[in-house]
Amino acid sequence: MRVPKLSLVQRGVATVEDVDTAIAYGPGVRWARLGPFLNLHASGGSGGITHVLRHLGAAQREWARDLGTYPETEDYIESMARGVETKLQAHDFLEMIRQRDQLLIELLEAKRKLSKIP
């Protein structure tokens, strides 16, 4: 996930806030529950992960080529830092971390109570 998200921001396709929101309210919610691979398996229906990888294999290779790599130049690093600073302007970072940690504890406690989830 590191290269795709950094590439999207670096190329101006999305902002730091766009990527964080997409993950936090999209796959991140499901990943917290089952992880990326079990979710990928679930998305394949009765064919599971095998179906997904075979069905999307060519497209995924093209997407990977399109994302490419990102230059870790000083301008790039400063651009990423500005994006994060912009997102955090209206927020108390330490309170955000405290709430994140509390949510993680609650998610882990809820998951432990549901014995059918690995």
PDB file of N, CA and C in Angstrom:
ATOM      1  N   MET A   1       0.806  -1.198   0.000  1.00  0.00           N
ATOM      2  CA  MET A   1       0.000   0.000   0.000  1.00  0.00           C
ATOM      3  C   MET A   1       0.849   1.262   0.000  1.00  0.00           C
ATOM      4  N   ARG A   2       2.078   1.201   0.450  1.00  0.00           N
ATOM      5  CA  ARG A   2       2.881   2.415   0.569  1.00  0.00           C
ATOM      6  C   ARG A   2       3.108   3.076  -0.786  1.00  0.00           C
ATOM      7  N   VAL A   3       3.581   2.328  -1.754  1.00  0.00           N
ATOM      8  CA  VAL A   3       3.891   2.921  -3.057  1.00  0.00           C
ATOM      9  C   VAL A   3       2.640   3.473  -3.737  1.00  0.00           C
ATOM     10  N   PRO A   4       1.526   2.736  -3.813  1.00  0.00           N
ATOM     11  CA  PRO A   4       0.349   3.302  -4.485  1.00  0.00           C
ATOM     12  C   PRO A   4      -0.127   4.609  -3.864  1.00  0.00           C
ATOM     13  N   LYS A   5      -0.233   4.655  -2.549  1.00  0.00           N
ATOM     14  CA  LYS A   5      -0.772   5.881  -1.942  1.00  0.00           C
ATOM     15  C   LYS A   5       0.184   7.047  -2.130  1.00  0.00           C
ATOM     16  N   LEU A   6       1.473   6.810  -2.006  1.00  0.00           N
ATOM     17  CA  LEU A   6       2.440   7.888  -2.200  1.00  0.00           C
ATOM     18  C   LEU A   6       2.460   8.342  -3.652  1.00  0.00           C
ATOM     19  N   SER A   7       2.360   7.405  -4.565  1.00  0.00           N
ATOM     20  CA  SER A   7       2.344   7.739  -5.986  1.00  0.00           C
ATOM     21  C   SER A   7       1.121   8.581  -6.336  1.00  0.00           C
ATOM     22  N   LEU A   8      -0.041   8.219  -5.807  1.00  0.00           N
ATOM     23  CA  LEU A   8      -1.263   8.969  -6.101  1.00  0.00           C
ATOM     24  C   LEU A   8      -1.162  10.413  -5.633  1.00  0.00           C
ATOM     25  N   VAL A   9      -0.600  10.615  -4.449  1.00  0.00           N
ATOM     26  CA  VAL A   9      -0.452  11.976  -3.926  1.00  0.00           C
ATOM     27  C   VAL A   9       0.614  12.733  -4.710  1.00  0.00           C
ATOM     28  N   GLN A  10       1.728  12.090  -4.960  1.00  0.00           N
ATOM     29  CA  GLN A  10       2.839  12.746  -5.645  1.00  0.00           C
ATOM     30  C   GLN A  10       2.443  13.196  -7.045  1.00  0.00           C
ATOM     31  N   ARG A  11       1.603  12.406  -7.729  1.00  0.00           N
ATOM     32  CA  ARG A  11       1.189  12.738  -9.093  1.00  0.00           C
ATOM     33  C   ARG A  11      -0.017  13.673  -9.134  1.00  0.00           C
ATOM     34  N   GLY A  12      -0.544  14.050  -7.974  1.00  0.00           N
ATOM     35  CA  GLY A  12      -1.672  14.969  -7.937  1.00  0.00           C
ATOM     36  C   GLY A  12      -3.014  14.325  -8.224  1.00  0.00           C
ATOM     37  N   VAL A  13      -3.064  13.000  -8.228  1.00  0.00           N
ATOM     38  CA  VAL A  13      -4.321  12.287  -8.461  1.00  0.00           C
ATOM     39  C   VAL A  13      -5.232  12.426  -7.245  1.00  0.00           C
ATOM     40  N   ALA A  14      -4.632  12.456  -6.055  1.00  0.00           N
ATOM     41  CA  ALA A  14      -5.378  12.563  -4.805  1.00  0.00           C
ATOM     42  C   ALA A  14      -4.549  13.353  -3.803  1.00  0.00           C
ATOM     43  N   THR A  15      -5.224  13.888  -2.795  1.00  0.00           N
ATOM     44  CA  THR A  15      -4.517  14.568  -1.710  1.00  0.00           C
ATOM     45  C   THR A  15      -4.261  13.568  -0.589  1.00  0.00           C
ATOM     46  N   VAL A  16      -3.438  13.971   0.373  1.00  0.00           N
ATOM     47  CA  VAL A  16      -3.216  13.142   1.558  1.00  0.00           C
ATOM     48  C   VAL A  16      -4.560  12.853   2.222  1.00  0.00           C
ATOM     49  N   GLU A  17      -5.389  13.885   2.355  1.00  0.00           N
ATOM     50  CA  GLU A  17      -6.693  13.696   2.990  1.00  0.00           C
ATOM     51  C   GLU A  17      -7.575  12.738   2.190  1.00  0.00           C
ATOM     52  N   ASP A  18      -7.558  12.842   0.862  1.00  0.00           N
ATOM     53  CA  ASP A  18      -8.341  11.926   0.020  1.00  0.00           C
ATOM     54  C   ASP A  18      -7.965  10.470   0.288  1.00  0.00           C
ATOM     55  N   VAL A  19      -6.666  10.193   0.298  1.00  0.00           N
ATOM     56  CA  VAL A  19      -6.193   8.814   0.477  1.00  0.00           C
ATOM     57  C   VAL A  19      -6.534   8.316   1.874  1.00  0.00           C
ATOM     58  N   ASP A  20      -6.269   9.138   2.906  1.00  0.00           N
ATOM     59  CA  ASP A  20      -6.582   8.715   4.269  1.00  0.00           C
ATOM     60  C   ASP A  20      -8.073   8.440   4.433  1.00  0.00           C
ATOM     61  N   THR A  21      -8.916   9.301   3.881  1.00  0.00           N
ATOM     62  CA  THR A  21     -10.366   9.108   3.982  1.00  0.00           C
ATOM     63  C   THR A  21     -10.800   7.845   3.252  1.00  0.00           C
ATOM     64  N   ALA A  22     -10.268   7.641   2.061  1.00  0.00           N
ATOM     65  CA  ALA A  22     -10.634   6.451   1.281  1.00  0.00           C
ATOM     66  C   ALA A  22     -10.286   5.163   2.021  1.00  0.00           C
ATOM     67  N   ILE A  23      -9.119   5.114   2.635  1.00  0.00           N
ATOM     68  CA  ILE A  23      -8.713   3.904   3.360  1.00  0.00           C
ATOM     69  C   ILE A  23      -9.471   3.776   4.682  1.00  0.00           C
ATOM     70  N   ALA A  24      -9.587   4.882   5.430  1.00  0.00           N
ATOM     71  CA  ALA A  24     -10.236   4.831   6.744  1.00  0.00           C
ATOM     72  C   ALA A  24     -11.707   4.439   6.662  1.00  0.00           C
ATOM     73  N   TYR A  25     -12.391   4.855   5.588  1.00  0.00           N
ATOM     74  CA  TYR A  25     -13.814   4.559   5.462  1.00  0.00           C
ATOM     75  C   TYR A  25     -14.102   3.496   4.417  1.00  0.00           C
ATOM     76  N   GLY A  26     -13.074   2.953   3.818  1.00  0.00           N
ATOM     77  CA  GLY A  26     -13.235   1.911   2.808  1.00  0.00           C
ATOM     78  C   GLY A  26     -12.622   0.614   3.287  1.00  0.00           C
ATOM     79  N   PRO A  27     -11.547   0.183   2.636  1.00  0.00           N
ATOM     80  CA  PRO A  27     -10.962  -1.107   2.999  1.00  0.00           C
ATOM     81  C   PRO A  27     -10.411  -1.154   4.417  1.00  0.00           C
ATOM     82  N   GLY A  28     -10.005  -0.019   4.960  1.00  0.00           N
ATOM     83  CA  GLY A  28      -9.450  -0.020   6.315  1.00  0.00           C
ATOM     84  C   GLY A  28     -10.416  -0.573   7.346  1.00  0.00           C
ATOM     85  N   VAL A  29     -11.699  -0.265   7.175  1.00  0.00           N
ATOM     86  CA  VAL A  29     -12.714  -0.764   8.104  1.00  0.00           C
ATOM     87  C   VAL A  29     -12.794  -2.283   8.010  1.00  0.00           C
ATOM     88  N   ARG A  30     -12.791  -2.796   6.796  1.00  0.00           N
ATOM     89  CA  ARG A  30     -12.849  -4.250   6.613  1.00  0.00           C
ATOM     90  C   ARG A  30     -11.531  -4.904   7.017  1.00  0.00           C
ATOM     91  N   TRP A  31     -10.415  -4.266   6.717  1.00  0.00           N
ATOM     92  CA  TRP A  31      -9.110  -4.834   7.070  1.00  0.00           C
ATOM     93  C   TRP A  31      -8.968  -4.970   8.581  1.00  0.00           C
ATOM     94  N   ALA A  32      -9.523  -4.018   9.324  1.00  0.00           N
ATOM     95  CA  ALA A  32      -9.447  -4.100  10.784  1.00  0.00           C
ATOM     96  C   ALA A  32     -10.168  -5.342  11.293  1.00  0.00           C
ATOM     97  N   ARG A  33     -11.118  -5.794  10.541  1.00  0.00           N
ATOM     98  CA  ARG A  33     -11.923  -6.946  10.956  1.00  0.00           C
ATOM     99  C   ARG A  33     -11.291  -8.273  10.544  1.00  0.00           C
ATOM    100  N   LEU A  34     -10.877  -8.394   9.291  1.00  0.00           N
ATOM    101  CA  LEU A  34     -10.389  -9.674   8.777  1.00  0.00           C
ATOM    102  C   LEU A  34      -8.975  -9.622   8.203  1.00  0.00           C
ATOM    103  N   GLY A  35      -8.487  -8.439   7.902  1.00  0.00           N
ATOM    104  CA  GLY A  35      -7.193  -8.331   7.233  1.00  0.00           C
ATOM    105  C   GLY A  35      -7.374  -8.280   5.725  1.00  0.00           C
ATOM    106  N   PRO A  36      -6.351  -7.842   4.983  1.00  0.00           N
ATOM    107  CA  PRO A  36      -6.503  -7.655   3.540  1.00  0.00           C
ATOM    108  C   PRO A  36      -6.716  -8.946   2.756  1.00  0.00           C
ATOM    109  N   PHE A  37      -6.070 -10.036   3.164  1.00  0.00           N
ATOM    110  CA  PHE A  37      -6.166 -11.256   2.369  1.00  0.00           C
ATOM    111  C   PHE A  37      -7.498 -11.976   2.545  1.00  0.00           C
ATOM    112  N   LEU A  38      -8.004 -12.048   3.770  1.00  0.00           N
ATOM    113  CA  LEU A  38      -9.317 -12.678   3.959  1.00  0.00           C
ATOM    114  C   LEU A  38     -10.412 -11.849   3.291  1.00  0.00           C
ATOM    115  N   ASN A  39     -10.263 -10.525   3.295  1.00  0.00           N
ATOM    116  CA  ASN A  39     -11.235  -9.685   2.594  1.00  0.00           C
ATOM    117  C   ASN A  39     -11.161  -9.884   1.092  1.00  0.00           C
ATOM    118  N   LEU A  40      -9.958 -10.037   0.564  1.00  0.00           N
ATOM    119  CA  LEU A  40      -9.796 -10.314  -0.862  1.00  0.00           C
ATOM    120  C   LEU A  40     -10.447 -11.654  -1.198  1.00  0.00           C
ATOM    121  N   HIS A  41     -10.235 -12.635  -0.335  1.00  0.00           N
ATOM    122  CA  HIS A  41     -10.846 -13.951  -0.517  1.00  0.00           C
ATOM    123  C   HIS A  41     -12.378 -13.831  -0.511  1.00  0.00           C
ATOM    124  N   ALA A  42     -12.920 -13.067   0.437  1.00  0.00           N
ATOM    125  CA  ALA A  42     -14.372 -12.898   0.534  1.00  0.00           C
ATOM    126  C   ALA A  42     -14.935 -12.198  -0.701  1.00  0.00           C
ATOM    127  N   SER A  43     -14.169 -11.297  -1.295  1.00  0.00           N
ATOM    128  CA  SER A  43     -14.667 -10.564  -2.465  1.00  0.00           C
ATOM    129  C   SER A  43     -14.744 -11.438  -3.709  1.00  0.00           C
ATOM    130  N   GLY A  44     -14.122 -12.615  -3.664  1.00  0.00           N
ATOM    131  CA  GLY A  44     -14.143 -13.520  -4.813  1.00  0.00           C
ATOM    132  C   GLY A  44     -15.336 -14.443  -4.859  1.00  0.00           C
ATOM    133  N   GLY A  45     -16.278 -14.269  -3.933  1.00  0.00           N
ATOM    134  CA  GLY A  45     -17.453 -15.133  -3.905  1.00  0.00           C
ATOM    135  C   GLY A  45     -17.056 -16.582  -3.702  1.00  0.00           C
ATOM    136  N   SER A  46     -17.753 -17.499  -4.362  1.00  0.00           N
ATOM    137  CA  SER A  46     -17.476 -18.924  -4.158  1.00  0.00           C
ATOM    138  C   SER A  46     -16.100 -19.320  -4.678  1.00  0.00           C
ATOM    139  N   GLY A  47     -15.521 -18.521  -5.579  1.00  0.00           N
ATOM    140  CA  GLY A  47     -14.185 -18.812  -6.109  1.00  0.00           C
ATOM    141  C   GLY A  47     -13.061 -18.269  -5.249  1.00  0.00           C
ATOM    142  N   GLY A  48     -13.410 -17.450  -4.266  1.00  0.00           N
ATOM    143  CA  GLY A  48     -12.427 -16.929  -3.328  1.00  0.00           C
ATOM    144  C   GLY A  48     -11.302 -16.127  -3.967  1.00  0.00           C
ATOM    145  N   ILE A  49     -10.173 -16.123  -3.282  1.00  0.00           N
ATOM    146  CA  ILE A  49      -9.020 -15.335  -3.715  1.00  0.00           C
ATOM    147  C   ILE A  49      -8.493 -15.809  -5.070  1.00  0.00           C
ATOM    148  N   THR A  50      -8.627 -17.108  -5.346  1.00  0.00           N
ATOM    149  CA  THR A  50      -8.174 -17.640  -6.636  1.00  0.00           C
ATOM    150  C   THR A  50      -8.925 -16.961  -7.775  1.00  0.00           C
ATOM    151  N   HIS A  51     -10.245 -16.845  -7.630  1.00  0.00           N
ATOM    152  CA  HIS A  51     -11.049 -16.189  -8.664  1.00  0.00           C
ATOM    153  C   HIS A  51     -10.640 -14.725  -8.826  1.00  0.00           C
ATOM    154  N   VAL A  52     -10.483 -14.015  -7.710  1.00  0.00           N
ATOM    155  CA  VAL A  52     -10.130 -12.593  -7.772  1.00  0.00           C
ATOM    156  C   VAL A  52      -8.800 -12.403  -8.491  1.00  0.00           C
ATOM    157  N   LEU A  53      -7.794 -13.169  -8.099  1.00  0.00           N
ATOM    158  CA  LEU A  53      -6.463 -12.994  -8.685  1.00  0.00           C
ATOM    159  C   LEU A  53      -6.441 -13.364 -10.162  1.00  0.00           C
ATOM    160  N   ARG A  54      -7.161 -14.410 -10.532  1.00  0.00           N
ATOM    161  CA  ARG A  54      -7.215 -14.788 -11.952  1.00  0.00           C
ATOM    162  C   ARG A  54      -8.027 -13.779 -12.757  1.00  0.00           C
ATOM    163  N   HIS A  55      -9.125 -13.333 -12.199  1.00  0.00           N
ATOM    164  CA  HIS A  55     -10.020 -12.415 -12.903  1.00  0.00           C
ATOM    165  C   HIS A  55      -9.397 -11.025 -13.064  1.00  0.00           C
ATOM    166  N   LEU A  56      -8.706 -10.555 -12.038  1.00  0.00           N
ATOM    167  CA  LEU A  56      -8.161  -9.196 -12.059  1.00  0.00           C
ATOM    168  C   LEU A  56      -6.660  -9.139 -12.312  1.00  0.00           C
ATOM    169  N   GLY A  57      -6.027 -10.275 -12.524  1.00  0.00           N
ATOM    170  CA  GLY A  57      -4.573 -10.319 -12.664  1.00  0.00           C
ATOM    171  C   GLY A  57      -4.010  -9.352 -13.680  1.00  0.00           C
ATOM    172  N   ALA A  58      -4.532  -9.381 -14.899  1.00  0.00           N
ATOM    173  CA  ALA A  58      -4.010  -8.499 -15.954  1.00  0.00           C
ATOM    174  C   ALA A  58      -4.247  -7.034 -15.601  1.00  0.00           C
ATOM    175  N   ALA A  59      -5.423  -6.730 -15.092  1.00  0.00           N
ATOM    176  CA  ALA A  59      -5.728  -5.347 -14.711  1.00  0.00           C
ATOM    177  C   ALA A  59      -4.817  -4.883 -13.580  1.00  0.00           C
ATOM    178  N   GLN A  60      -4.571  -5.758 -12.595  1.00  0.00           N
ATOM    179  CA  GLN A  60      -3.702  -5.386 -11.478  1.00  0.00           C
ATOM    180  C   GLN A  60      -2.277  -5.117 -11.944  1.00  0.00           C
ATOM    181  N   ARG A  61      -1.806  -5.895 -12.907  1.00  0.00           N
ATOM    182  CA  ARG A  61      -0.459  -5.637 -13.442  1.00  0.00           C
ATOM    183  C   ARG A  61      -0.410  -4.274 -14.117  1.00  0.00           C
ATOM    184  N   GLU A  62      -1.463  -3.932 -14.846  1.00  0.00           N
ATOM    185  CA  GLU A  62      -1.518  -2.623 -15.511  1.00  0.00           C
ATOM    186  C   GLU A  62      -1.603  -1.491 -14.483  1.00  0.00           C
ATOM    187  N   TRP A  63      -2.410  -1.696 -13.445  1.00  0.00           N
ATOM    188  CA  TRP A  63      -2.510  -0.675 -12.396  1.00  0.00           C
ATOM    189  C   TRP A  63      -1.150  -0.467 -11.730  1.00  0.00           C
ATOM    190  N   ALA A  64      -0.448  -1.558 -11.467  1.00  0.00           N
ATOM    191  CA  ALA A  64       0.875  -1.464 -10.834  1.00  0.00           C
ATOM    192  C   ALA A  64       1.844  -0.695 -11.732  1.00  0.00           C
ATOM    193  N   ARG A  65       1.802  -0.965 -13.037  1.00  0.00           N
ATOM    194  CA  ARG A  65       2.667  -0.227 -13.976  1.00  0.00           C
ATOM    195  C   ARG A  65       2.316   1.258 -13.966  1.00  0.00           C
ATOM    196  N   ASP A  66       1.023   1.555 -13.933  1.00  0.00           N
ATOM    197  CA  ASP A  66       0.572   2.942 -13.945  1.00  0.00           C
ATOM    198  C   ASP A  66       1.031   3.686 -12.693  1.00  0.00           C
ATOM    199  N   LEU A  67       0.982   3.001 -11.551  1.00  0.00           N
ATOM    200  CA  LEU A  67       1.393   3.649 -10.304  1.00  0.00           C
ATOM    201  C   LEU A  67       2.886   3.929 -10.284  1.00  0.00           C
ATOM    202  N   GLY A  68       3.641   3.029 -10.869  1.00  0.00           N
ATOM    203  CA  GLY A  68       5.085   3.232 -10.954  1.00  0.00           C
ATOM    204  C   GLY A  68       5.720   3.399  -9.589  1.00  0.00           C
ATOM    205  N   THR A  69       6.749   4.187  -9.568  1.00  0.00           N
ATOM    206  CA  THR A  69       7.448   4.455  -8.320  1.00  0.00           C
ATOM    207  C   THR A  69       7.382   5.948  -8.059  1.00  0.00           C
ATOM    208  N   TYR A  70       7.901   6.366  -6.972  1.00  0.00           N
ATOM    209  CA  TYR A  70       7.904   7.778  -6.634  1.00  0.00           C
ATOM    210  C   TYR A  70       9.327   8.184  -6.277  1.00  0.00           C
ATOM    211  N   PRO A  71       9.712   9.399  -6.635  1.00  0.00           N
ATOM    212  CA  PRO A  71      11.062   9.855  -6.319  1.00  0.00           C
ATOM    213  C   PRO A  71      11.134  10.346  -4.874  1.00  0.00           C
ATOM    214  N   GLU A  72      12.035   9.818  -4.095  1.00  0.00           N
ATOM    215  CA  GLU A  72      12.169  10.274  -2.709  1.00  0.00           C
ATOM    216  C   GLU A  72      13.123  11.464  -2.656  1.00  0.00           C
ATOM    217  N   THR A  73      12.735  12.526  -3.353  1.00  0.00           N
ATOM    218  CA  THR A  73      13.522  13.751  -3.351  1.00  0.00           C
ATOM    219  C   THR A  73      13.097  14.615  -2.170  1.00  0.00           C
ATOM    220  N   GLU A  74      13.863  15.637  -1.889  1.00  0.00           N
ATOM    221  CA  GLU A  74      13.514  16.550  -0.802  1.00  0.00           C
ATOM    222  C   GLU A  74      12.183  17.254  -1.102  1.00  0.00           C
ATOM    223  N   ASP A  75      11.962  17.638  -2.367  1.00  0.00           N
ATOM    224  CA  ASP A  75      10.683  18.261  -2.744  1.00  0.00           C
ATOM    225  C   ASP A  75       9.519  17.317  -2.486  1.00  0.00           C
ATOM    226  N   TYR A  76       9.719  16.058  -2.825  1.00  0.00           N
ATOM    227  CA  TYR A  76       8.686  15.042  -2.613  1.00  0.00           C
ATOM    228  C   TYR A  76       8.371  14.917  -1.123  1.00  0.00           C
ATOM    229  N   ILE A  77       9.416  14.809  -0.301  1.00  0.00           N
ATOM    230  CA  ILE A  77       9.232  14.660   1.149  1.00  0.00           C
ATOM    231  C   ILE A  77       8.510  15.878   1.715  1.00  0.00           C
ATOM    232  N   GLU A  78       8.917  17.068   1.298  1.00  0.00           N
ATOM    233  CA  GLU A  78       8.274  18.295   1.777  1.00  0.00           C
ATOM    234  C   GLU A  78       6.818  18.363   1.325  1.00  0.00           C
ATOM    235  N   SER A  79       6.530  17.912   0.109  1.00  0.00           N
ATOM    236  CA  SER A  79       5.164  17.903  -0.405  1.00  0.00           C
ATOM    237  C   SER A  79       4.272  16.987   0.431  1.00  0.00           C
ATOM    238  N   MET A  80       4.773  15.810   0.777  1.00  0.00           N
ATOM    239  CA  MET A  80       4.004  14.880   1.607  1.00  0.00           C
ATOM    240  C   MET A  80       3.778  15.485   2.992  1.00  0.00           C
ATOM    241  N   ALA A  81       4.812  16.106   3.557  1.00  0.00           N
ATOM    242  CA  ALA A  81       4.694  16.714   4.884  1.00  0.00           C
ATOM    243  C   ALA A  81       3.658  17.843   4.861  1.00  0.00           C
ATOM    244  N   ARG A  82       3.659  18.666   3.809  1.00  0.00           N
ATOM    245  CA  ARG A  82       2.665  19.751   3.696  1.00  0.00           C
ATOM    246  C   ARG A  82       1.249  19.179   3.624  1.00  0.00           C
ATOM    247  N   GLY A  83       1.084  18.080   2.896  1.00  0.00           N
ATOM    248  CA  GLY A  83      -0.234  17.459   2.802  1.00  0.00           C
ATOM    249  C   GLY A  83      -0.747  16.996   4.153  1.00  0.00           C
ATOM    250  N   VAL A  84       0.130  16.394   4.937  1.00  0.00           N
ATOM    251  CA  VAL A  84      -0.261  15.933   6.277  1.00  0.00           C
ATOM    252  C   VAL A  84      -0.540  17.132   7.180  1.00  0.00           C
ATOM    253  N   GLU A  85       0.320  18.153   7.125  1.00  0.00           N
ATOM    254  CA  GLU A  85       0.115  19.351   7.950  1.00  0.00           C
ATOM    255  C   GLU A  85      -1.213  20.021   7.615  1.00  0.00           C
ATOM    256  N   THR A  86      -1.563  20.073   6.336  1.00  0.00           N
ATOM    257  CA  THR A  86      -2.836  20.661   5.916  1.00  0.00           C
ATOM    258  C   THR A  86      -3.997  19.878   6.518  1.00  0.00           C
ATOM    259  N   LYS A  87      -3.908  18.571   6.464  1.00  0.00           N
ATOM    260  CA  LYS A  87      -4.978  17.735   7.011  1.00  0.00           C
ATOM    261  C   LYS A  87      -5.117  17.929   8.519  1.00  0.00           C
ATOM    262  N   LEU A  88      -4.007  18.136   9.216  1.00  0.00           N
ATOM    263  CA  LEU A  88      -4.025  18.217  10.677  1.00  0.00           C
ATOM    264  C   LEU A  88      -4.334  19.611  11.217  1.00  0.00           C
ATOM    265  N   GLN A  89      -4.433  20.619  10.371  1.00  0.00           N
ATOM    266  CA  GLN A  89      -4.614  21.996  10.841  1.00  0.00           C
ATOM    267  C   GLN A  89      -5.760  22.148  11.833  1.00  0.00           C
ATOM    268  N   ALA A  90      -6.867  21.520  11.583  1.00  0.00           N
ATOM    269  CA  ALA A  90      -8.055  21.696  12.423  1.00  0.00           C
ATOM    270  C   ALA A  90      -8.188  20.624  13.500  1.00  0.00           C
ATOM    271  N   HIS A  91      -7.125  19.867  13.754  1.00  0.00           N
ATOM    272  CA  HIS A  91      -7.233  18.747  14.687  1.00  0.00           C
ATOM    273  C   HIS A  91      -6.130  18.776  15.741  1.00  0.00           C
ATOM    274  N   ASP A  92      -6.452  18.249  16.900  1.00  0.00           N
ATOM    275  CA  ASP A  92      -5.467  18.052  17.963  1.00  0.00           C
ATOM    276  C   ASP A  92      -4.852  16.671  17.729  1.00  0.00           C
ATOM    277  N   PHE A  93      -3.615  16.637  17.278  1.00  0.00           N
ATOM    278  CA  PHE A  93      -2.976  15.381  16.892  1.00  0.00           C
ATOM    279  C   PHE A  93      -2.911  14.387  18.051  1.00  0.00           C
ATOM    280  N   LEU A  94      -2.524  14.838  19.243  1.00  0.00           N
ATOM    281  CA  LEU A  94      -2.420  13.914  20.382  1.00  0.00           C
ATOM    282  C   LEU A  94      -3.781  13.330  20.754  1.00  0.00           C
ATOM    283  N   GLU A  95      -4.833  14.147  20.666  1.00  0.00           N
ATOM    284  CA  GLU A  95      -6.182  13.634  20.940  1.00  0.00           C
ATOM    285  C   GLU A  95      -6.602  12.638  19.861  1.00  0.00           C
ATOM    286  N   MET A  96      -6.230  12.908  18.625  1.00  0.00           N
ATOM    287  CA  MET A  96      -6.530  11.986  17.529  1.00  0.00           C
ATOM    288  C   MET A  96      -5.865  10.629  17.785  1.00  0.00           C
ATOM    289  N   ILE A  97      -4.626  10.639  18.217  1.00  0.00           N
ATOM    290  CA  ILE A  97      -3.906   9.394  18.506  1.00  0.00           C
ATOM    291  C   ILE A  97      -4.559   8.665  19.678  1.00  0.00           C
ATOM    292  N   ARG A  98      -4.961   9.416  20.708  1.00  0.00           N
ATOM    293  CA  ARG A  98      -5.623   8.796  21.861  1.00  0.00           C
ATOM    294  C   ARG A  98      -6.918   8.118  21.417  1.00  0.00           C
ATOM    295  N   GLN A  99      -7.712   8.807  20.597  1.00  0.00           N
ATOM    296  CA  GLN A  99      -8.972   8.231  20.126  1.00  0.00           C
ATOM    297  C   GLN A  99      -8.726   7.037  19.205  1.00  0.00           C
ATOM    298  N   ARG A 100      -7.705   7.128  18.367  1.00  0.00           N
ATOM    299  CA  ARG A 100      -7.363   5.994  17.493  1.00  0.00           C
ATOM    300  C   ARG A 100      -7.019   4.766  18.328  1.00  0.00           C
ATOM    301  N   ASP A 101      -6.193   4.969  19.342  1.00  0.00           N
ATOM    302  CA  ASP A 101      -5.791   3.847  20.189  1.00  0.00           C
ATOM    303  C   ASP A 101      -6.984   3.249  20.928  1.00  0.00           C
ATOM    304  N   GLN A 102      -7.901   4.105  21.395  1.00  0.00           N
ATOM    305  CA  GLN A 102      -9.101   3.612  22.071  1.00  0.00           C
ATOM    306  C   GLN A 102      -9.960   2.795  21.111  1.00  0.00           C
ATOM    307  N   LEU A 103     -10.105   3.274  19.882  1.00  0.00           N
ATOM    308  CA  LEU A 103     -10.872   2.540  18.875  1.00  0.00           C
ATOM    309  C   LEU A 103     -10.236   1.184  18.587  1.00  0.00           C
ATOM    310  N   LEU A 104      -8.914   1.156  18.477  1.00  0.00           N
ATOM    311  CA  LEU A 104      -8.225  -0.117  18.229  1.00  0.00           C
ATOM    312  C   LEU A 104      -8.466  -1.102  19.365  1.00  0.00           C
ATOM    313  N   ILE A 105      -8.404  -0.615  20.593  1.00  0.00           N
ATOM    314  CA  ILE A 105      -8.666  -1.484  21.748  1.00  0.00           C
ATOM    315  C   ILE A 105     -10.091  -2.032  21.669  1.00  0.00           C
ATOM    316  N   GLU A 106     -11.050  -1.162  21.381  1.00  0.00           N
ATOM    317  CA  GLU A 106     -12.447  -1.594  21.297  1.00  0.00           C
ATOM    318  C   GLU A 106     -12.667  -2.573  20.146  1.00  0.00           C
ATOM    319  N   LEU A 107     -12.021  -2.333  19.011  1.00  0.00           N
ATOM    320  CA  LEU A 107     -12.137  -3.267  17.882  1.00  0.00           C
ATOM    321  C   LEU A 107     -11.558  -4.631  18.236  1.00  0.00           C
ATOM    322  N   LEU A 108     -10.391  -4.634  18.867  1.00  0.00           N
ATOM    323  CA  LEU A 108      -9.769  -5.906  19.245  1.00  0.00           C
ATOM    324  C   LEU A 108     -10.607  -6.647  20.276  1.00  0.00           C
ATOM    325  N   GLU A 109     -11.181  -5.916  21.232  1.00  0.00           N
ATOM    326  CA  GLU A 109     -12.040  -6.555  22.230  1.00  0.00           C
ATOM    327  C   GLU A 109     -13.294  -7.131  21.575  1.00  0.00           C
ATOM    328  N   ALA A 110     -13.893  -6.393  20.656  1.00  0.00           N
ATOM    329  CA  ALA A 110     -15.087  -6.887  19.962  1.00  0.00           C
ATOM    330  C   ALA A 110     -14.746  -8.105  19.113  1.00  0.00           C
ATOM    331  N   LYS A 111     -13.617  -8.071  18.432  1.00  0.00           N
ATOM    332  CA  LYS A 111     -13.209  -9.192  17.586  1.00  0.00           C
ATOM    333  C   LYS A 111     -12.976 -10.449  18.423  1.00  0.00           C
ATOM    334  N   ARG A 112     -12.366 -10.279  19.591  1.00  0.00           N
ATOM    335  CA  ARG A 112     -12.084 -11.424  20.464  1.00  0.00           C
ATOM    336  C   ARG A 112     -13.383 -12.117  20.893  1.00  0.00           C
ATOM    337  N   LYS A 113     -14.454 -11.355  21.043  1.00  0.00           N
ATOM    338  CA  LYS A 113     -15.742 -11.914  21.467  1.00  0.00           C
ATOM    339  C   LYS A 113     -16.429 -12.709  20.357  1.00  0.00           C
ATOM    340  N   LEU A 114     -16.025 -12.483  19.114  1.00  0.00           N
ATOM    341  CA  LEU A 114     -16.642 -13.158  17.974  1.00  0.00           C
ATOM    342  C   LEU A 114     -15.737 -14.299  17.535  1.00  0.00           C
ATOM    343  N   SER A 115     -16.008 -15.480  18.025  1.00  0.00           N
ATOM    344  CA  SER A 115     -15.102 -16.618  17.839  1.00  0.00           C
ATOM    345  C   SER A 115     -14.972 -17.093  16.396  1.00  0.00           C
ATOM    346  N   LYS A 116     -15.871 -16.724  15.520  1.00  0.00           N
ATOM    347  CA  LYS A 116     -15.812 -17.188  14.130  1.00  0.00           C
ATOM    348  C   LYS A 116     -14.859 -16.357  13.269  1.00  0.00           C
ATOM    349  N   ILE A 117     -14.336 -15.267  13.815  1.00  0.00           N
ATOM    350  CA  ILE A 117     -13.423 -14.405  13.058  1.00  0.00           C
ATOM    351  C   ILE A 117     -11.994 -14.709  13.483  1.00  0.00           C
ATOM    352  N   PRO A 118     -11.137 -15.141  12.524  1.00  0.00           N
ATOM    353  CA  PRO A 118      -9.752 -15.499  12.884  1.00  0.00           C
ATOM    354  C   PRO A 118      -8.929 -14.296  13.307  1.00  0.00           C
TER     355      PRO A 118
END
